[in-house]
């Protein structure tokens, strides 16, 4: 075959004779021939029926509304737990149902005590607005102000003072909030207490004043600074 000439068909037939047939396509499904998904004959059961046993369902049916007596103990009451957990709406639901806002646990803590210890400022403000007693004492004679000082909650100390708590209240061992402020070496809180009338001459049952406590930490700048604060405030309130 010369250059530039196109090859001629050989005229050969495919093996087996006859013209090559186009590739056959799979038969199409006729309308309605697809398998139908039948509806489940099983009835839908409720979530409770799937999750709970009959005995557990009976308990649930008996407690359509919360039964406080069944979910409390002398140490753990939902109102105290909600106060610490910042669950204000749940706390309000209990208060609205008649639970005492000043309810004591076995340690003499009220929800306000708990909120102060947990430094939950929103709960503290809410409880005070709803009438919580800021003067109440626990079994050791400590008030919410004692605990606010102990945990270093300056804003809570100010809030409690604004609610007219006694800054010189002493616990069963004679410790006032000022004694605790000096013990924790918190100058800012000690100053707030002194400016608001804390009596620096008050003594604990074992005879210590706030100044005595400030001098029991040894010779360091903090000891000197606290001693200076106790001796000069409120005479010099601009310190």
Protein backbone atom coordinates (compact mmCIF):
# COMPACT_ATOMS: atom_id res chain seq x y z
CA UNK A 1 0.00 0.00 0.00
CA UNK A 2 1.43 3.26 -1.12
CA UNK A 3 1.91 6.26 1.06
CA UNK A 4 -1.16 8.42 1.49
CA UNK A 5 -3.56 5.61 0.59
CA UNK A 6 -6.24 4.69 3.10
CA UNK A 7 -6.49 1.03 4.09
CA UNK A 8 -9.38 -0.83 2.54
CA UNK A 9 -11.75 -2.84 4.64
CA UNK A 10 -10.81 -6.46 4.59
CA UNK A 11 -14.37 -7.61 4.14
CA UNK A 12 -13.90 -10.24 6.78
CA UNK A 13 -16.87 -11.09 8.95
CA UNK A 14 -16.53 -11.52 12.65
CA UNK A 15 -16.08 -15.06 13.84
CA UNK A 16 -19.30 -16.99 13.84
CA UNK A 17 -20.63 -15.26 10.78
CA UNK A 18 -23.25 -12.58 10.47
CA UNK A 19 -23.01 -8.92 11.29
CA UNK A 20 -21.84 -7.86 14.69
CA UNK A 21 -24.87 -7.17 16.90
CA UNK A 22 -24.90 -4.18 19.20
CA UNK A 23 -24.26 -4.91 22.88
CA UNK A 24 -27.53 -5.89 24.43
CA UNK A 25 -28.74 -3.69 27.30
CA UNK A 26 -30.16 -5.12 30.50
CA UNK A 27 -33.93 -5.11 30.48
CA UNK A 28 -35.48 -2.08 32.08
CA UNK A 29 -37.70 -2.49 35.06
CA UNK A 30 -41.23 -1.90 34.04
CA UNK A 31 -43.24 0.57 36.06
CA UNK A 32 -44.41 -1.02 39.21
CA UNK A 33 -41.96 -3.87 39.02
CA UNK A 34 -39.66 -2.41 41.74
CA UNK A 35 -40.05 -4.06 45.15
CA UNK A 36 -42.34 -2.13 47.40
CA UNK A 37 -41.29 -1.26 50.94
CA UNK A 38 -44.12 -2.55 53.05
CA UNK A 39 -45.23 -0.61 56.12
CA UNK A 40 -43.93 -1.96 59.39
CA UNK A 41 -46.60 -3.85 61.20
CA UNK A 42 -44.89 -3.17 64.53
CA UNK A 43 -46.52 -0.39 66.53
CA UNK A 44 -44.36 2.50 67.58
CA UNK A 45 -43.67 2.43 71.27
CA UNK A 46 -43.05 5.50 73.38
CA UNK A 47 -39.57 6.47 74.50
CA UNK A 48 -40.41 5.55 78.08
CA UNK A 49 -41.61 2.09 77.09
CA UNK A 50 -38.42 1.47 75.17
CA UNK A 51 -36.17 2.72 77.96
CA UNK A 52 -37.87 1.84 81.24
CA UNK A 53 -39.02 -1.37 82.83
CA UNK A 54 -42.64 -1.64 84.03
CA UNK A 55 -41.46 -1.11 87.61
CA UNK A 56 -39.57 2.05 86.60
CA UNK A 57 -42.59 3.29 84.65
CA UNK A 58 -44.70 2.86 87.79
CA UNK A 59 -42.27 5.05 89.78
CA UNK A 60 -42.37 7.69 87.05
CA UNK A 61 -46.17 7.67 87.04
CA UNK A 62 -46.23 8.21 90.80
CA UNK A 63 -44.02 11.31 90.52
CA UNK A 64 -45.49 13.47 87.79
CA UNK A 65 -44.37 16.48 89.87
CA UNK A 66 -41.09 16.57 91.85
CA UNK A 67 -41.27 14.99 95.29
CA UNK A 68 -38.69 16.92 97.34
CA UNK A 69 -38.72 14.36 100.15
CA UNK A 70 -37.52 11.67 97.76
CA UNK A 71 -34.69 13.65 96.19
CA UNK A 72 -33.20 15.18 99.34
CA UNK A 73 -31.07 14.20 102.30
CA UNK A 74 -30.00 16.09 105.44
CA UNK A 75 -26.76 16.97 103.64
CA UNK A 76 -27.99 17.39 100.06
CA UNK A 77 -31.07 19.42 99.18
CA UNK A 78 -31.90 20.44 95.59
CA UNK A 79 -32.19 24.11 96.56
CA UNK A 80 -28.60 24.14 97.82
CA UNK A 81 -27.41 22.20 94.78
CA UNK A 82 -29.14 24.60 92.40
CA UNK A 83 -27.58 27.57 94.21
CA UNK A 84 -24.09 26.16 93.69
CA UNK A 85 -24.80 25.08 90.11
CA UNK A 86 -26.10 28.50 88.96
CA UNK A 87 -29.49 26.94 88.20
CA UNK A 88 -31.54 30.04 89.00
CA UNK A 89 -34.76 29.02 87.13
CA UNK A 90 -34.80 25.64 88.90
CA UNK A 91 -34.07 27.35 92.19
CA UNK A 92 -36.98 29.74 91.60
CA UNK A 93 -39.33 26.86 90.83
CA UNK A 94 -38.63 25.39 94.28
CA UNK A 95 -38.99 28.74 96.01
CA UNK A 96 -42.26 29.40 94.19
CA UNK A 97 -43.54 26.02 95.35
CA UNK A 98 -42.98 27.00 98.98
CA UNK A 99 -39.47 25.78 99.82
CA UNK A 100 -37.88 27.98 102.51
CA UNK A 101 -35.24 30.29 101.02
CA UNK A 102 -33.30 30.04 104.31
CA UNK A 103 -33.46 26.25 104.48
CA UNK A 104 -30.62 24.81 106.58
CA UNK A 105 -28.71 21.64 105.79
CA UNK A 106 -27.19 19.50 108.54
CA UNK A 107 -24.14 21.81 108.70
CA UNK A 108 -26.35 24.87 109.12
CA UNK A 109 -25.68 26.15 105.60
CA UNK A 110 -28.39 28.05 103.75
CA UNK A 111 -28.47 28.37 99.96
CA UNK A 112 -26.89 31.81 100.45
CA UNK A 113 -23.98 30.27 102.38
CA UNK A 114 -23.48 27.79 99.54
CA UNK A 115 -23.61 30.45 96.83
CA UNK A 116 -21.10 32.61 98.73
CA UNK A 117 -18.71 29.69 99.22
CA UNK A 118 -19.01 28.88 95.51
CA UNK A 119 -18.52 32.56 94.55
CA UNK A 120 -21.74 32.55 92.51
CA UNK A 121 -22.37 36.29 92.43
CA UNK A 122 -25.48 36.10 90.23
CA UNK A 123 -27.09 33.62 92.62
CA UNK A 124 -26.09 35.68 95.67
CA UNK A 125 -27.71 38.80 94.25
CA UNK A 126 -30.81 36.86 93.24
CA UNK A 127 -31.24 35.25 96.66
CA UNK A 128 -30.84 38.59 98.42
CA UNK A 129 -33.43 40.17 96.12
CA UNK A 130 -35.80 37.34 96.97
CA UNK A 131 -35.36 37.90 100.69
CA UNK A 132 -32.60 35.54 101.80
CA UNK A 133 -31.35 36.30 105.31
CA UNK A 134 -27.75 37.59 105.10
CA UNK A 135 -27.32 37.38 108.90
CA UNK A 136 -28.00 33.66 109.31
CA UNK A 137 -25.31 31.56 111.02
CA UNK A 138 -24.18 28.01 110.36
CA UNK A 139 -23.62 25.52 113.17
CA UNK A 140 -20.20 27.10 113.88
CA UNK A 141 -21.70 30.58 114.12
CA UNK A 142 -20.26 31.73 110.78
CA UNK A 143 -22.28 34.06 108.57
CA UNK A 144 -22.18 34.51 104.79
CA UNK A 145 -19.84 37.47 105.39
CA UNK A 146 -17.30 35.18 107.09
CA UNK A 147 -17.28 32.92 104.04
CA UNK A 148 -17.16 35.80 101.56
CA UNK A 149 -14.02 37.02 103.32
CA UNK A 150 -12.52 33.54 103.48
CA UNK A 151 -12.90 32.91 99.73
CA UNK A 152 -11.67 36.40 98.85
CA UNK A 153 -14.91 37.54 97.19
CA UNK A 154 -14.47 41.32 97.43
CA UNK A 155 -17.62 42.21 95.47
CA UNK A 156 -19.70 39.87 97.61
CA UNK A 157 -18.27 41.46 100.76
CA UNK A 158 -19.34 44.86 99.44
CA UNK A 159 -22.79 43.53 98.53
CA UNK A 160 -23.34 42.01 101.97
CA UNK A 161 -22.24 45.22 103.67
CA UNK A 162 -24.69 47.08 101.44
CA UNK A 163 -27.34 44.72 102.82
CA UNK A 164 -26.48 45.93 106.33
CA UNK A 165 -24.73 42.87 107.73
CA UNK A 166 -22.80 43.24 110.98
CA UNK A 167 -19.11 43.56 110.08
CA UNK A 168 -18.18 42.71 113.69
CA UNK A 169 -20.18 39.50 113.94
CA UNK A 170 -18.15 36.78 115.66
CA UNK A 171 -18.41 33.03 115.18
CA UNK A 172 -18.42 30.52 118.03
CA UNK A 173 -14.66 30.94 118.48
CA UNK A 174 -14.80 34.72 118.51
CA UNK A 175 -13.44 35.18 114.98
CA UNK A 176 -14.80 38.20 113.13
CA UNK A 177 -14.57 38.77 109.37
CA UNK A 178 -11.60 41.09 110.04
CA UNK A 179 -9.70 38.27 111.76
CA UNK A 180 -10.30 36.12 108.68
CA UNK A 181 -9.26 38.87 106.27
CA UNK A 182 -5.94 39.28 108.09
CA UNK A 183 -5.48 35.51 108.32
CA UNK A 184 -5.94 35.21 104.55
CA UNK A 185 -3.67 38.26 104.11
CA UNK A 186 -6.21 40.01 101.96
CA UNK A 187 -5.44 43.70 102.28
CA UNK A 188 -8.28 44.94 100.07
CA UNK A 189 -10.97 43.12 102.03
CA UNK A 190 -9.43 44.07 105.38
CA UNK A 191 -9.49 47.71 104.33
CA UNK A 192 -13.14 47.52 103.22
CA UNK A 193 -14.09 46.02 106.58
CA UNK A 194 -12.14 48.63 108.55
CA UNK A 195 -13.58 51.52 106.57
CA UNK A 196 -17.06 50.14 107.24
CA UNK A 197 -16.59 49.95 110.99
CA UNK A 198 -14.76 46.70 111.74
CA UNK A 199 -13.50 46.79 115.33
CA UNK A 200 -9.77 46.07 115.31
CA UNK A 201 -9.73 45.68 119.10
CA UNK A 202 -12.03 42.64 119.08
CA UNK A 203 -10.37 39.48 120.37
CA UNK A 204 -10.92 35.83 119.54
CA UNK A 205 -11.70 33.41 122.36
CA UNK A 206 -7.99 32.72 122.70
CA UNK A 207 -7.27 36.44 123.00
CA UNK A 208 -5.93 37.44 119.56
CA UNK A 209 -6.69 40.72 117.84
CA UNK A 210 -6.41 41.25 114.09
CA UNK A 211 -3.07 42.98 114.70
CA UNK A 212 -1.80 39.97 116.65
CA UNK A 213 -2.67 37.70 113.72
CA UNK A 214 -0.91 39.99 111.25
CA UNK A 215 2.31 39.68 113.28
CA UNK A 216 2.22 35.88 113.40
CA UNK A 217 3.42 35.40 109.81
CA UNK A 218 7.02 36.37 110.48
CA UNK A 219 9.13 39.26 109.26
CA UNK A 220 8.07 39.99 105.71
CA UNK A 221 6.64 42.97 103.86
CA UNK A 222 3.11 41.58 103.92
CA UNK A 223 3.15 41.33 107.71
CA UNK A 224 4.33 44.93 107.98
CA UNK A 225 1.78 46.12 105.41
CA UNK A 226 -1.14 44.43 107.19
CA UNK A 227 0.00 45.67 110.60
CA UNK A 228 0.24 49.20 109.20
CA UNK A 229 -3.25 48.87 107.71
CA UNK A 230 -4.79 47.69 110.97
CA UNK A 231 -3.08 50.40 113.02
CA UNK A 232 -3.84 53.35 110.70
CA UNK A 233 -7.20 52.63 109.05
CA UNK A 234 -9.74 54.18 109.39
CA UNK A 235 -7.67 57.07 110.77
CA UNK A 236 -6.07 57.39 107.33
CA UNK A 237 -8.64 56.12 104.82
CA UNK A 238 -6.68 57.21 101.74
CA UNK A 239 -4.06 54.49 102.10
